Amino acid sequence: MKKIVFVCLGNICRSPMAEFVMKDLTDQYEIESRATSSWEHGNPIHRGTQKIFQQHQVPYDPAKTSLQIKEEDFYNFDLILGMDENNVADLKQMAPAGTEHKIHLFATESVPDPWYTGDFEETYSRVLTGCKAWLDRQATSEEFDM
């Protein structure tokens, strides 16, 4: 089974939102999420993200905690999706040689971080749209044939 990882700064808002939204949309991939930083390491999913999951009936694991991306993740995942341009830049700096081709921006526009904006609903809307777009791209394109 192909493996996708969503990555944001802290792995408590955007990337776990994308992880569980995508898992709700498909069971065709192994899906996880990570952080570029260790700032939130071990912390649970932000309560604002959990509230969105509950409002939109998205199943999630309340025991999930933040994990920072590790070197082996660059080898183990087939597709590494940064939630914003800064995440992508950080991932490319962290990536071992020969794995950079796996790193892509999640959407054409960066997904705003609700940790700063407070707008979890806007983030959810963009995440849902982005996840559906990636599934469509996977179904119709060999560009990201994993």
N, C-alpha and C. Protein backbone atom coordinates (compact mmCIF):
# COMPACT_ATOMS: atom_id res chain seq x y z
N MET A 1 0.85 -1.18 0.00
CA MET A 1 0.00 0.00 0.00
C MET A 1 0.89 1.24 0.00
N LYS A 2 0.53 2.22 -0.82
CA LYS A 2 1.28 3.47 -0.92
C LYS A 2 1.11 4.29 0.36
N LYS A 3 2.15 5.04 0.70
CA LYS A 3 2.16 5.79 1.95
C LYS A 3 2.27 7.29 1.72
N ILE A 4 1.38 8.04 2.38
CA ILE A 4 1.35 9.50 2.29
C ILE A 4 1.54 10.07 3.69
N VAL A 5 2.35 11.12 3.81
CA VAL A 5 2.48 11.82 5.08
C VAL A 5 2.24 13.31 4.85
N PHE A 6 1.40 13.89 5.69
CA PHE A 6 1.14 15.32 5.69
C PHE A 6 2.02 15.96 6.75
N VAL A 7 2.60 17.13 6.42
CA VAL A 7 3.55 17.75 7.33
C VAL A 7 3.26 19.24 7.49
N CYS A 8 3.20 19.67 8.75
CA CYS A 8 3.10 21.10 9.07
C CYS A 8 4.15 21.42 10.14
N LEU A 9 4.09 22.60 10.69
CA LEU A 9 5.10 23.02 11.66
C LEU A 9 5.07 22.20 12.95
N GLY A 10 3.88 22.06 13.55
CA GLY A 10 3.81 21.44 14.87
C GLY A 10 3.11 20.10 14.95
N ASN A 11 2.38 19.70 13.90
CA ASN A 11 1.65 18.43 13.87
C ASN A 11 0.57 18.36 14.95
N ILE A 12 -0.09 19.51 15.18
CA ILE A 12 -1.23 19.49 16.11
C ILE A 12 -2.48 20.11 15.47
N CYS A 13 -2.34 20.80 14.34
CA CYS A 13 -3.50 21.45 13.70
C CYS A 13 -3.69 20.96 12.27
N ARG A 14 -2.91 21.49 11.34
CA ARG A 14 -3.15 21.25 9.91
C ARG A 14 -2.84 19.83 9.45
N SER A 15 -1.65 19.32 9.78
CA SER A 15 -1.30 18.00 9.24
C SER A 15 -2.15 16.87 9.84
N PRO A 16 -2.48 16.89 11.15
CA PRO A 16 -3.40 15.85 11.61
C PRO A 16 -4.81 16.02 11.03
N MET A 17 -5.19 17.28 10.77
CA MET A 17 -6.48 17.50 10.13
C MET A 17 -6.48 16.84 8.76
N ALA A 18 -5.42 17.06 7.99
CA ALA A 18 -5.33 16.44 6.66
C ALA A 18 -5.26 14.92 6.77
N GLU A 19 -4.51 14.42 7.74
CA GLU A 19 -4.40 12.97 7.93
C GLU A 19 -5.77 12.33 8.11
N PHE A 20 -6.55 12.84 9.05
CA PHE A 20 -7.82 12.18 9.36
C PHE A 20 -8.92 12.49 8.34
N VAL A 21 -8.86 13.65 7.70
CA VAL A 21 -9.80 13.94 6.61
C VAL A 21 -9.53 12.97 5.46
N MET A 22 -8.26 12.79 5.10
CA MET A 22 -7.92 11.88 4.00
C MET A 22 -8.30 10.44 4.36
N LYS A 23 -8.05 10.04 5.58
CA LYS A 23 -8.44 8.69 6.01
C LYS A 23 -9.95 8.50 5.93
N ASP A 24 -10.69 9.58 6.15
CA ASP A 24 -12.15 9.50 6.07
C ASP A 24 -12.61 9.39 4.61
N LEU A 25 -11.80 9.90 3.68
CA LEU A 25 -12.16 9.89 2.27
C LEU A 25 -11.75 8.61 1.54
N THR A 26 -10.70 7.94 2.04
CA THR A 26 -10.17 6.77 1.32
C THR A 26 -9.48 5.81 2.27
N ASP A 27 -9.46 4.56 1.86
CA ASP A 27 -8.67 3.56 2.59
C ASP A 27 -7.64 2.94 1.64
N GLN A 28 -7.35 3.64 0.56
CA GLN A 28 -6.44 3.14 -0.48
C GLN A 28 -4.97 3.43 -0.19
N TYR A 29 -4.70 4.21 0.85
CA TYR A 29 -3.33 4.59 1.18
C TYR A 29 -3.10 4.45 2.68
N GLU A 30 -1.84 4.29 3.04
CA GLU A 30 -1.46 4.40 4.45
C GLU A 30 -1.15 5.87 4.67
N ILE A 31 -1.82 6.49 5.64
CA ILE A 31 -1.75 7.94 5.81
C ILE A 31 -1.34 8.28 7.24
N GLU A 32 -0.37 9.17 7.36
CA GLU A 32 0.09 9.65 8.66
C GLU A 32 0.36 11.14 8.57
N SER A 33 0.81 11.73 9.68
CA SER A 33 1.20 13.14 9.67
C SER A 33 2.39 13.34 10.60
N ARG A 34 3.13 14.43 10.33
CA ARG A 34 4.34 14.76 11.07
C ARG A 34 4.49 16.27 11.18
N ALA A 35 5.51 16.68 11.96
CA ALA A 35 5.88 18.08 12.12
C ALA A 35 7.29 18.29 11.56
N THR A 36 7.57 19.52 11.13
CA THR A 36 8.94 19.85 10.77
C THR A 36 9.75 20.21 12.02
N SER A 37 9.06 20.66 13.06
CA SER A 37 9.75 21.09 14.28
C SER A 37 9.44 20.13 15.43
N SER A 38 10.17 20.29 16.50
CA SER A 38 9.92 19.48 17.70
C SER A 38 9.16 20.29 18.76
N TRP A 39 8.69 21.48 18.39
CA TRP A 39 8.06 22.38 19.36
C TRP A 39 6.90 21.75 20.11
N GLU A 40 6.08 20.99 19.42
CA GLU A 40 4.88 20.41 20.01
C GLU A 40 5.02 18.91 20.28
N HIS A 41 6.24 18.38 20.18
CA HIS A 41 6.46 16.94 20.29
C HIS A 41 5.74 16.34 21.50
N GLY A 42 4.93 15.32 21.23
CA GLY A 42 4.21 14.62 22.28
C GLY A 42 2.89 15.24 22.68
N ASN A 43 2.59 16.43 22.15
CA ASN A 43 1.32 17.08 22.49
C ASN A 43 0.18 16.50 21.65
N PRO A 44 -1.04 16.54 22.20
CA PRO A 44 -2.19 16.01 21.46
C PRO A 44 -2.63 16.95 20.35
N ILE A 45 -3.55 16.45 19.52
CA ILE A 45 -4.16 17.28 18.48
C ILE A 45 -4.83 18.48 19.15
N HIS A 46 -4.65 19.66 18.58
CA HIS A 46 -5.21 20.90 19.13
C HIS A 46 -6.73 20.74 19.30
N ARG A 47 -7.25 21.31 20.38
CA ARG A 47 -8.69 21.18 20.67
C ARG A 47 -9.55 21.80 19.56
N GLY A 48 -9.05 22.82 18.88
CA GLY A 48 -9.79 23.41 17.76
C GLY A 48 -9.92 22.43 16.60
N THR A 49 -8.88 21.67 16.35
CA THR A 49 -8.93 20.64 15.30
C THR A 49 -9.85 19.51 15.73
N GLN A 50 -9.78 19.11 16.98
CA GLN A 50 -10.67 18.06 17.48
C GLN A 50 -12.14 18.50 17.37
N LYS A 51 -12.40 19.76 17.64
CA LYS A 51 -13.77 20.29 17.55
C LYS A 51 -14.26 20.21 16.10
N ILE A 52 -13.39 20.54 15.15
CA ILE A 52 -13.74 20.43 13.73
C ILE A 52 -14.07 18.99 13.37
N PHE A 53 -13.26 18.05 13.86
CA PHE A 53 -13.52 16.64 13.59
C PHE A 53 -14.92 16.25 14.09
N GLN A 54 -15.25 16.71 15.27
CA GLN A 54 -16.55 16.38 15.86
C GLN A 54 -17.69 17.04 15.08
N GLN A 55 -17.52 18.30 14.72
CA GLN A 55 -18.56 19.02 13.98
C GLN A 55 -18.85 18.40 12.62
N HIS A 56 -17.78 17.91 11.96
CA HIS A 56 -17.92 17.36 10.61
C HIS A 56 -17.94 15.83 10.60
N GLN A 57 -18.02 15.25 11.78
CA GLN A 57 -18.10 13.79 11.94
C GLN A 57 -16.94 13.08 11.23
N VAL A 58 -15.74 13.60 11.41
CA VAL A 58 -14.54 12.98 10.87
C VAL A 58 -13.95 12.10 11.96
N PRO A 59 -13.88 10.80 11.74
CA PRO A 59 -13.29 9.92 12.76
C PRO A 59 -11.80 10.26 12.94
N TYR A 60 -11.35 10.24 14.19
CA TYR A 60 -9.94 10.52 14.46
C TYR A 60 -9.50 9.77 15.71
N ASP A 61 -8.20 9.73 15.91
CA ASP A 61 -7.62 9.07 17.08
C ASP A 61 -7.29 10.14 18.12
N PRO A 62 -8.08 10.23 19.20
CA PRO A 62 -7.80 11.26 20.21
C PRO A 62 -6.48 11.03 20.95
N ALA A 63 -5.90 9.85 20.79
CA ALA A 63 -4.62 9.56 21.46
C ALA A 63 -3.42 9.98 20.60
N LYS A 64 -3.67 10.43 19.37
CA LYS A 64 -2.56 10.84 18.51
C LYS A 64 -1.81 12.02 19.13
N THR A 65 -0.49 11.94 19.07
CA THR A 65 0.34 13.04 19.55
C THR A 65 1.31 13.47 18.45
N SER A 66 1.84 14.66 18.59
CA SER A 66 2.75 15.24 17.61
C SER A 66 4.03 14.42 17.50
N LEU A 67 4.43 14.21 16.26
CA LEU A 67 5.70 13.55 15.95
C LEU A 67 6.46 14.39 14.94
N GLN A 68 7.75 14.55 15.16
CA GLN A 68 8.59 15.26 14.19
C GLN A 68 9.03 14.27 13.11
N ILE A 69 9.09 14.75 11.87
CA ILE A 69 9.54 13.90 10.78
C ILE A 69 10.99 13.50 11.02
N LYS A 70 11.31 12.26 10.69
CA LYS A 70 12.65 11.71 10.89
C LYS A 70 13.24 11.32 9.54
N GLU A 71 14.53 11.11 9.52
CA GLU A 71 15.21 10.76 8.27
C GLU A 71 14.57 9.54 7.60
N GLU A 72 14.25 8.52 8.37
CA GLU A 72 13.69 7.31 7.76
C GLU A 72 12.32 7.55 7.12
N ASP A 73 11.61 8.58 7.60
CA ASP A 73 10.31 8.90 6.99
C ASP A 73 10.45 9.30 5.52
N PHE A 74 11.54 9.95 5.19
CA PHE A 74 11.76 10.37 3.81
C PHE A 74 11.91 9.16 2.89
N TYR A 75 12.38 8.05 3.43
CA TYR A 75 12.50 6.82 2.67
C TYR A 75 11.22 6.00 2.71
N ASN A 76 10.52 6.02 3.84
CA ASN A 76 9.36 5.15 4.05
C ASN A 76 8.08 5.65 3.37
N PHE A 77 7.94 6.96 3.22
CA PHE A 77 6.74 7.51 2.61
C PHE A 77 6.96 7.74 1.12
N ASP A 78 5.89 7.51 0.35
CA ASP A 78 5.95 7.70 -1.10
C ASP A 78 5.67 9.14 -1.50
N LEU A 79 4.86 9.83 -0.69
CA LEU A 79 4.46 11.20 -0.98
C LEU A 79 4.49 11.99 0.33
N ILE A 80 5.22 13.10 0.33
CA ILE A 80 5.39 13.95 1.51
C ILE A 80 4.80 15.31 1.16
N LEU A 81 3.70 15.67 1.82
CA LEU A 81 2.96 16.88 1.47
C LEU A 81 3.09 17.94 2.56
N GLY A 82 3.76 19.03 2.25
CA GLY A 82 3.89 20.16 3.17
C GLY A 82 2.66 21.04 3.07
N MET A 83 2.15 21.48 4.21
CA MET A 83 0.92 22.25 4.25
C MET A 83 1.10 23.70 3.82
N ASP A 84 2.33 24.20 3.84
CA ASP A 84 2.60 25.55 3.33
C ASP A 84 4.00 25.59 2.74
N GLU A 85 4.32 26.71 2.11
CA GLU A 85 5.61 26.83 1.42
C GLU A 85 6.79 26.75 2.38
N ASN A 86 6.63 27.26 3.59
CA ASN A 86 7.71 27.16 4.57
C ASN A 86 7.96 25.70 4.97
N ASN A 87 6.87 24.93 5.12
CA ASN A 87 7.03 23.51 5.44
C ASN A 87 7.78 22.80 4.32
N VAL A 88 7.42 23.10 3.08
CA VAL A 88 8.09 22.47 1.94
C VAL A 88 9.57 22.84 1.92
N ALA A 89 9.88 24.11 2.14
CA ALA A 89 11.29 24.54 2.17
C ALA A 89 12.05 23.83 3.28
N ASP A 90 11.45 23.74 4.47
CA ASP A 90 12.10 23.03 5.58
C ASP A 90 12.30 21.56 5.24
N LEU A 91 11.28 20.93 4.67
CA LEU A 91 11.38 19.51 4.31
C LEU A 91 12.50 19.29 3.30
N LYS A 92 12.62 20.17 2.33
CA LYS A 92 13.67 20.01 1.31
C LYS A 92 15.06 20.16 1.92
N GLN A 93 15.18 21.00 2.94
CA GLN A 93 16.47 21.13 3.63
C GLN A 93 16.78 19.89 4.46
N MET A 94 15.75 19.27 5.02
CA MET A 94 15.91 18.10 5.88
C MET A 94 16.07 16.80 5.09
N ALA A 95 15.61 16.78 3.85
CA ALA A 95 15.52 15.54 3.07
C ALA A 95 16.89 14.97 2.74
N PRO A 96 17.05 13.68 2.94
CA PRO A 96 18.28 13.02 2.47
C PRO A 96 18.34 13.07 0.95
N ALA A 97 19.54 13.08 0.42
CA ALA A 97 19.73 13.12 -1.03
C ALA A 97 18.94 11.99 -1.69
N GLY A 98 18.27 12.33 -2.78
CA GLY A 98 17.53 11.34 -3.53
C GLY A 98 16.08 11.18 -3.10
N THR A 99 15.64 11.94 -2.09
CA THR A 99 14.25 11.83 -1.63
C THR A 99 13.45 13.12 -1.88
N GLU A 100 14.11 14.16 -2.37
CA GLU A 100 13.45 15.46 -2.54
C GLU A 100 12.25 15.40 -3.48
N HIS A 101 12.28 14.48 -4.45
CA HIS A 101 11.19 14.38 -5.44
C HIS A 101 9.87 13.97 -4.80
N LYS A 102 9.89 13.45 -3.59
CA LYS A 102 8.68 13.02 -2.90
C LYS A 102 7.95 14.18 -2.24
N ILE A 103 8.61 15.33 -2.12
CA ILE A 103 8.08 16.48 -1.38
C ILE A 103 7.30 17.40 -2.32
N HIS A 104 6.06 17.72 -1.90
CA HIS A 104 5.21 18.59 -2.70
C HIS A 104 4.40 19.50 -1.78
N LEU A 105 3.99 20.63 -2.33
CA LEU A 105 3.07 21.52 -1.63
C LEU A 105 1.69 20.89 -1.66
N PHE A 106 1.00 20.88 -0.53
CA PHE A 106 -0.31 20.25 -0.41
C PHE A 106 -1.32 20.85 -1.37
N ALA A 107 -1.33 22.16 -1.49
CA ALA A 107 -2.30 22.85 -2.35
C ALA A 107 -1.61 24.01 -3.06
N THR A 108 -2.26 24.54 -4.09
CA THR A 108 -1.64 25.64 -4.83
C THR A 108 -1.45 26.87 -3.95
N GLU A 109 -2.32 27.03 -2.96
CA GLU A 109 -2.15 28.08 -1.96
C GLU A 109 -1.84 27.42 -0.62
N SER A 110 -0.94 28.01 0.13
CA SER A 110 -0.62 27.48 1.45
C SER A 110 -1.87 27.43 2.32
N VAL A 111 -1.95 26.39 3.13
CA VAL A 111 -3.07 26.26 4.07
C VAL A 111 -2.74 27.09 5.30
N PRO A 112 -3.58 28.06 5.65
CA PRO A 112 -3.29 28.91 6.80
C PRO A 112 -3.28 28.10 8.11
N ASP A 113 -2.39 28.47 8.99
CA ASP A 113 -2.24 27.77 10.26
C ASP A 113 -3.24 28.33 11.26
N PRO A 114 -4.23 27.53 11.69
CA PRO A 114 -5.23 28.04 12.61
C PRO A 114 -4.69 28.32 14.01
N TRP A 115 -3.49 27.84 14.29
CA TRP A 115 -2.83 28.19 15.56
C TRP A 115 -2.67 29.71 15.63
N TYR A 116 -2.40 30.32 14.47
CA TYR A 116 -2.22 31.77 14.39
C TYR A 116 -3.50 32.50 14.00
N THR A 117 -4.28 31.92 13.06
CA THR A 117 -5.46 32.62 12.56
C THR A 117 -6.68 32.42 13.45
N GLY A 118 -6.74 31.29 14.15
CA GLY A 118 -7.90 30.95 14.96
C GLY A 118 -9.08 30.45 14.14
N ASP A 119 -8.92 30.38 12.81
CA ASP A 119 -10.02 30.01 11.93
C ASP A 119 -9.89 28.55 11.49
N PHE A 120 -10.30 27.64 12.37
CA PHE A 120 -10.20 26.21 12.09
C PHE A 120 -11.15 25.78 10.98
N GLU A 121 -12.28 26.48 10.85
CA GLU A 121 -13.25 26.15 9.81
C GLU A 121 -12.66 26.43 8.43
N GLU A 122 -12.00 27.57 8.26
CA GLU A 122 -11.35 27.90 6.98
C GLU A 122 -10.27 26.86 6.66
N THR A 123 -9.50 26.48 7.65
CA THR A 123 -8.46 25.47 7.45
C THR A 123 -9.10 24.15 7.04
N TYR A 124 -10.16 23.76 7.72
CA TYR A 124 -10.85 22.52 7.37
C TYR A 124 -11.34 22.56 5.91
N SER A 125 -11.93 23.66 5.51
CA SER A 125 -12.43 23.79 4.14
C SER A 125 -11.30 23.59 3.13
N ARG A 126 -10.17 24.21 3.38
CA ARG A 126 -9.03 24.09 2.46
C ARG A 126 -8.44 22.68 2.49
N VAL A 127 -8.40 22.07 3.67
CA VAL A 127 -7.88 20.72 3.80
C VAL A 127 -8.78 19.74 3.05
N LEU A 128 -10.08 19.86 3.24
CA LEU A 128 -11.01 18.96 2.55
C LEU A 128 -10.88 19.11 1.03
N THR A 129 -10.85 20.34 0.56
CA THR A 129 -10.70 20.58 -0.87
C THR A 129 -9.37 20.01 -1.37
N GLY A 130 -8.31 20.24 -0.62
CA GLY A 130 -6.98 19.75 -1.02
C GLY A 130 -6.89 18.24 -1.03
N CYS A 131 -7.48 17.58 -0.04
CA CYS A 131 -7.46 16.11 0.00
C CYS A 131 -8.21 15.53 -1.19
N LYS A 132 -9.37 16.10 -1.50
CA LYS A 132 -10.14 15.63 -2.66
C LYS A 132 -9.35 15.85 -3.95
N ALA A 133 -8.66 16.97 -4.05
CA ALA A 133 -7.86 17.26 -5.24
C ALA A 133 -6.71 16.25 -5.38
N TRP A 134 -6.05 15.91 -4.28
CA TRP A 134 -4.97 14.92 -4.35
C TRP A 134 -5.51 13.55 -4.75
N LEU A 135 -6.66 13.18 -4.24
CA LEU A 135 -7.25 11.90 -4.64
C LEU A 135 -7.58 11.90 -6.13
N ASP A 136 -8.11 13.01 -6.63
CA ASP A 136 -8.40 13.12 -8.06
C ASP A 136 -7.12 13.03 -8.88
N ARG A 137 -6.07 13.70 -8.42
CA ARG A 137 -4.79 13.68 -9.14
C ARG A 137 -4.22 12.27 -9.15
N GLN A 138 -4.32 11.57 -8.03
CA GLN A 138 -3.81 10.21 -7.95
C GLN A 138 -4.56 9.29 -8.90
N ALA A 139 -5.86 9.51 -9.05
CA ALA A 139 -6.68 8.66 -9.89
C ALA A 139 -6.49 8.91 -11.38
N THR A 140 -6.07 10.13 -11.74
CA THR A 140 -6.04 10.49 -13.16
C THR A 140 -4.65 10.80 -13.70
N SER A 141 -3.61 10.69 -12.88
CA SER A 141 -2.30 11.12 -13.33
C SER A 141 -1.24 10.10 -12.94
N GLU A 142 -0.25 9.99 -13.80
CA GLU A 142 0.90 9.16 -13.47
C GLU A 142 2.04 10.02 -12.93
N GLU A 143 1.83 11.34 -12.87
CA GLU A 143 2.87 12.26 -12.38
C GLU A 143 3.32 11.87 -10.99
N PHE A 144 2.37 11.47 -10.14
CA PHE A 144 2.71 11.08 -8.78
C PHE A 144 2.48 9.59 -8.58
N ASP A 145 2.69 8.82 -9.65
CA ASP A 145 2.54 7.38 -9.53
C ASP A 145 3.58 6.89 -8.53
N MET A 146 3.06 6.38 -7.45
CA MET A 146 3.97 6.05 -6.35
C MET A 146 4.42 4.60 -6.43
